[in-house]
Amino acid sequence: MSETTIFYADGENPKMIEAYKKAQDTFKYFWRELSWEYRRIIPALDVACVKLAFTQDIDDETVVEHMWINDVNFDGETIYGVLVNDPDELTNVNNGDEIAIPIDQISDWLFASQGKTYGAFTIQAMRSEMSDEERESHDEAWGLEFGDFNDIQVVFEQKEKPENLVEHPMSKNMKDSLIEFLKENPAEINTKDERGYTFLHREAIAGNSTSVEILIQSGADKNAQNHVGKTPLDYAKEYNWEHLIPLF
């Protein structure tokens, strides 16, 4: 992605408002993919970034700019990352700043692998109003092929394997490794980090039902609360991971 090229769009455009909503509704798939990417020995993603709404009061007016961050992390409450755009008007953030913003400020997300992009709802909304030549120029600036703006996918092989919308294939494939890891490291089952998150919290946020099931069978505390008083089940419900709820 070019760090200096920003394609502006009318934030009040109904297409753009719909794109923001779709991005927020599907962000859980972005985080699920990225949470597995961080565990891979060989990276699979070419790009993984999130667009957020940054605000500042300037001359008695609230100015909003939608800009991208990478090096993304997420704890179920807040999105963390590094800003990769230069603000146009805002002075309270700068390119390269470390960012922490609540999840409700998401306006888009994107990951790409093997030349195919996933998500990118606002980008596709803009591309839908471009000429063929403009789309080609736009895609060149990103260094990605965005494909058909009417066919946005959110997970790998979504059409060929719709079950991937329910659970990430790596969650299934890593089942035996997780069982072995927990046998060798039983203390990890209920260890809390500095903000009170357990292994079970993190897997529930990412929607990994195989991992959640194994953790519960291994004695994970289903009622453990983090720093904001939420349990793993709270996050499963909050992010509408329906396949997780019966496991609790």
Protein backbone atom coordinates (compact mmCIF):
# COMPACT_ATOMS: atom_id res chain seq x y z
CA MET A 1 0.00 0.00 0.00
CA SER A 2 1.21 3.47 -0.79
CA GLU A 3 1.64 5.43 2.42
CA THR A 4 1.27 8.79 0.69
CA THR A 5 -1.69 8.22 -1.62
CA ILE A 6 -5.15 8.81 -0.16
CA PHE A 7 -8.26 8.54 -2.32
CA TYR A 8 -10.88 10.80 -0.84
CA ALA A 9 -14.58 10.05 -0.83
CA ASP A 10 -17.72 11.78 0.37
CA GLY A 11 -18.34 10.36 3.84
CA GLU A 12 -22.04 11.22 3.59
CA ASN A 13 -22.49 9.25 0.39
CA PRO A 14 -25.06 6.50 1.11
CA LYS A 15 -22.73 3.96 -0.52
CA MET A 16 -19.97 4.97 1.85
CA ILE A 17 -22.20 4.83 4.93
CA GLU A 18 -23.28 1.33 3.89
CA ALA A 19 -19.62 0.38 3.43
CA TYR A 20 -18.77 1.57 6.96
CA LYS A 21 -21.57 -0.58 8.35
CA LYS A 22 -20.46 -3.67 6.43
CA ALA A 23 -16.88 -3.17 7.58
CA GLN A 24 -17.95 -2.96 11.22
CA ASP A 25 -20.23 -5.99 10.92
CA THR A 26 -17.48 -8.14 9.40
CA PHE A 27 -14.39 -6.88 11.23
CA LYS A 28 -14.42 -10.06 13.29
CA TYR A 29 -13.28 -11.98 10.19
CA PHE A 30 -10.37 -9.62 9.70
CA TRP A 31 -9.26 -10.13 13.27
CA ARG A 32 -9.74 -13.89 13.10
CA GLU A 33 -7.46 -14.02 10.06
CA LEU A 34 -4.86 -11.73 11.55
CA SER A 35 -4.82 -13.62 14.85
CA TRP A 36 -3.85 -16.75 12.91
CA GLU A 37 -1.36 -14.83 10.78
CA TYR A 38 0.54 -13.91 13.95
CA ARG A 39 0.91 -17.63 14.69
CA ARG A 40 2.10 -18.67 11.24
CA ILE A 41 5.76 -19.49 10.72
CA ILE A 42 5.49 -18.45 7.07
CA PRO A 43 3.31 -15.34 6.59
CA ALA A 44 0.32 -15.69 4.28
CA LEU A 45 -0.87 -12.08 4.12
CA ASP A 46 0.59 -9.42 1.84
CA VAL A 47 -1.37 -6.60 3.48
CA ALA A 48 -3.46 -6.30 6.65
CA CYS A 49 -4.75 -2.86 7.62
CA VAL A 50 -7.74 -1.10 9.16
CA LYS A 51 -9.27 2.26 8.32
CA LEU A 52 -10.43 4.30 11.30
CA ALA A 53 -12.28 7.57 11.78
CA PHE A 54 -10.03 10.15 13.45
CA THR A 55 -11.64 13.31 14.80
CA GLN A 56 -10.54 16.71 16.05
CA ASP A 57 -12.35 19.93 16.91
CA ILE A 58 -10.93 22.68 14.69
CA ASP A 59 -12.39 26.20 14.71
CA ASP A 60 -15.53 25.03 16.52
CA GLU A 61 -16.11 22.30 13.96
CA THR A 62 -15.55 18.56 14.31
CA VAL A 63 -13.27 17.45 11.51
CA VAL A 64 -13.24 13.73 10.59
CA GLU A 65 -10.61 11.98 8.52
CA HIS A 66 -10.64 8.29 7.66
CA MET A 67 -7.10 6.91 7.62
CA TRP A 68 -5.35 3.55 7.61
CA ILE A 69 -3.31 1.83 10.28
CA ASN A 70 -1.20 -1.31 10.06
CA ASP A 71 0.61 -3.51 12.63
CA VAL A 72 -2.92 -4.06 13.91
CA ASN A 73 -3.79 -5.60 17.26
CA PHE A 74 -7.17 -5.99 18.92
CA ASP A 75 -8.40 -6.96 22.39
CA GLY A 76 -12.15 -7.03 21.82
CA GLU A 77 -12.50 -3.41 22.93
CA THR A 78 -9.78 -1.33 21.29
CA ILE A 79 -7.90 -1.43 17.99
CA TYR A 80 -4.17 -0.73 18.13
CA GLY A 81 -1.78 0.00 15.28
CA VAL A 82 0.46 2.50 13.51
CA LEU A 83 -0.92 5.29 11.32
CA VAL A 84 0.32 5.06 7.73
CA ASN A 85 -1.32 8.17 6.23
CA ASP A 86 -0.47 11.86 6.44
CA PRO A 87 -3.50 13.75 7.81
CA ASP A 88 -4.99 16.41 5.56
CA GLU A 89 -6.35 18.75 8.25
CA LEU A 90 -5.92 17.01 11.59
CA THR A 91 -3.02 18.03 13.78
CA ASN A 92 -3.60 15.67 16.71
CA VAL A 93 -2.16 12.63 14.87
CA ASN A 94 0.75 12.10 12.51
CA ASN A 95 1.98 9.45 10.12
CA GLY A 96 3.85 6.86 12.18
CA ASP A 97 1.96 7.49 15.43
CA GLU A 98 0.94 4.51 17.54
CA ILE A 99 -2.85 4.48 17.66
CA ALA A 100 -5.43 3.13 20.11
CA ILE A 101 -9.04 3.69 19.08
CA PRO A 102 -12.36 2.05 20.13
CA ILE A 103 -13.79 -0.52 17.76
CA ASP A 104 -16.81 1.63 16.89
CA GLN A 105 -14.49 3.97 14.96
CA ILE A 106 -13.82 1.37 12.26
CA SER A 107 -14.68 2.50 8.75
CA ASP A 108 -12.98 -0.28 6.76
CA TRP A 109 -10.58 -3.22 6.84
CA LEU A 110 -8.54 -5.03 4.27
CA PHE A 111 -6.30 -8.03 3.99
CA ALA A 112 -4.74 -9.47 0.86
CA SER A 113 -3.13 -12.80 0.06
CA GLN A 114 -1.91 -14.33 -3.17
CA GLY A 115 -3.09 -11.36 -5.16
CA LYS A 116 -6.66 -11.44 -3.83
CA THR A 117 -8.17 -8.81 -1.55
CA TYR A 118 -10.75 -9.33 1.18
CA GLY A 119 -12.92 -6.66 2.78
CA ALA A 120 -12.06 -3.17 1.47
CA PHE A 121 -15.70 -2.06 1.48
CA THR A 122 -15.06 1.67 1.21
CA ILE A 123 -12.44 1.09 -1.46
CA GLN A 124 -14.87 -0.97 -3.51
CA ALA A 125 -17.57 1.69 -3.03
CA MET A 126 -15.17 4.26 -4.50
CA ARG A 127 -14.08 1.91 -7.28
CA SER A 128 -17.72 1.35 -8.24
CA GLU A 129 -17.93 5.00 -9.30
CA MET A 130 -14.64 5.08 -11.22
CA SER A 131 -14.01 4.52 -14.91
CA ASP A 132 -11.98 1.49 -15.95
CA GLU A 133 -8.92 3.69 -16.36
CA GLU A 134 -9.39 5.24 -12.93
CA ARG A 135 -9.78 1.83 -11.32
CA GLU A 136 -6.58 0.66 -12.98
CA SER A 137 -4.69 3.72 -11.73
CA HIS A 138 -6.17 3.31 -8.25
CA ASP A 139 -5.19 -0.36 -8.04
CA GLU A 140 -1.67 0.43 -9.26
CA ALA A 141 -1.27 2.99 -6.46
CA TRP A 142 -2.13 0.30 -3.91
CA GLY A 143 -0.15 -2.37 -5.69
CA LEU A 144 -3.15 -4.70 -5.38
CA GLU A 145 -5.80 -6.13 -7.67
CA PHE A 146 -9.18 -5.43 -6.09
CA GLY A 147 -11.23 -7.36 -8.64
CA ASP A 148 -15.00 -7.04 -8.93
CA PHE A 149 -16.45 -4.35 -6.66
CA ASN A 150 -19.75 -6.27 -6.66
CA ASP A 151 -18.12 -9.42 -5.29
CA ILE A 152 -16.57 -8.63 -1.90
CA GLN A 153 -15.37 -11.63 0.12
CA VAL A 154 -14.35 -11.71 3.76
CA VAL A 155 -12.65 -15.12 4.19
CA PHE A 156 -10.43 -17.42 2.12
CA GLU A 157 -12.27 -19.68 -0.35
CA GLN A 158 -15.58 -18.27 0.82
CA LYS A 159 -17.48 -19.56 -2.21
CA GLU A 160 -15.73 -22.91 -2.48
CA LYS A 161 -15.84 -23.61 1.25
CA PRO A 162 -18.64 -21.61 2.92
CA GLU A 163 -17.86 -23.44 6.17
CA ASN A 164 -14.84 -21.13 6.43
CA LEU A 165 -17.30 -18.42 7.45
CA VAL A 166 -18.04 -20.48 10.56
CA GLU A 167 -14.54 -21.54 11.53
CA HIS A 168 -11.04 -20.81 10.28
CA PRO A 169 -9.40 -23.93 8.79
CA MET A 170 -6.32 -23.42 10.96
CA SER A 171 -8.43 -23.74 14.09
CA LYS A 172 -9.36 -27.25 13.00
CA ASN A 173 -5.90 -28.15 11.70
CA MET A 174 -4.15 -27.04 14.90
CA LYS A 175 -6.38 -29.08 17.20
CA ASP A 176 -3.85 -31.79 18.05
CA SER A 177 -1.06 -29.25 18.50
CA LEU A 178 -3.19 -27.27 20.94
CA ILE A 179 -4.07 -30.38 22.95
CA GLU A 180 -0.39 -31.26 23.20
CA PHE A 181 0.58 -27.69 24.11
CA LEU A 182 -1.95 -27.56 26.96
CA LYS A 183 -0.80 -30.93 28.29
CA GLU A 184 2.77 -29.65 28.39
CA ASN A 185 1.84 -26.18 29.66
CA PRO A 186 -1.23 -26.58 31.92
CA ALA A 187 -0.60 -23.23 33.61
CA GLU A 188 -1.41 -21.49 30.31
CA ILE A 189 -5.03 -22.63 30.51
CA ASN A 190 -6.08 -20.00 33.04
CA THR A 191 -3.16 -17.56 33.06
CA LYS A 192 -4.30 -13.94 32.76
CA ASP A 193 -2.35 -11.19 31.03
CA GLU A 194 -1.92 -7.71 32.51
CA ARG A 195 -5.47 -6.75 31.46
CA GLY A 196 -7.12 -9.92 32.68
CA TYR A 197 -7.48 -11.72 29.36
CA THR A 198 -7.14 -15.49 29.35
CA PHE A 199 -6.39 -17.85 26.49
CA LEU A 200 -10.15 -18.53 26.35
CA HIS A 201 -10.94 -14.81 26.03
CA ARG A 202 -8.62 -14.47 23.04
CA GLU A 203 -9.95 -17.54 21.25
CA ALA A 204 -13.56 -16.47 21.85
CA ILE A 205 -12.88 -13.02 20.41
CA ALA A 206 -11.40 -14.65 17.31
CA GLY A 207 -14.28 -17.13 16.95
CA ASN A 208 -12.18 -20.29 17.08
CA SER A 209 -14.66 -22.94 18.21
CA THR A 210 -12.26 -25.91 18.14
CA SER A 211 -9.81 -24.02 20.35
CA VAL A 212 -12.59 -22.84 22.66
CA GLU A 213 -13.95 -26.37 23.02
CA ILE A 214 -10.52 -27.81 23.83
CA LEU A 215 -9.79 -25.09 26.37
CA ILE A 216 -13.09 -25.66 28.16
CA GLN A 217 -12.52 -29.42 28.17
CA SER A 218 -9.05 -28.75 29.61
CA GLY A 219 -10.48 -26.82 32.55
CA ALA A 220 -10.48 -23.22 31.35
CA ASP A 221 -12.47 -20.88 33.60
CA LYS A 222 -15.52 -19.91 31.54
CA ASN A 223 -16.40 -17.18 34.05
CA ALA A 224 -13.01 -15.44 34.09
CA GLN A 225 -13.40 -11.67 33.78
CA ASN A 226 -10.97 -9.25 32.18
CA HIS A 227 -10.21 -5.63 33.12
CA VAL A 228 -13.63 -4.45 31.93
CA GLY A 229 -15.51 -7.32 33.60
CA LYS A 230 -16.22 -9.33 30.47
CA THR A 231 -16.12 -13.11 30.17
CA PRO A 232 -15.21 -15.10 27.04
CA LEU A 233 -18.92 -15.76 26.49
CA ASP A 234 -19.59 -12.01 26.57
CA TYR A 235 -17.27 -11.59 23.59
CA ALA A 236 -18.72 -14.58 21.74
CA LYS A 237 -22.14 -12.91 22.02
CA GLU A 238 -20.84 -9.40 21.29
CA TYR A 239 -19.24 -10.52 18.02
CA ASN A 240 -22.09 -12.84 17.13
CA TRP A 241 -20.00 -15.99 16.97
CA GLU A 242 -23.13 -18.13 17.18
CA HIS A 243 -21.23 -21.42 16.88
CA LEU A 244 -19.37 -20.65 20.12
CA ILE A 245 -22.31 -19.94 22.39
CA PRO A 246 -23.48 -23.58 22.87
CA LEU A 247 -19.93 -24.52 23.96
CA PHE A 248 -20.30 -22.38 27.08
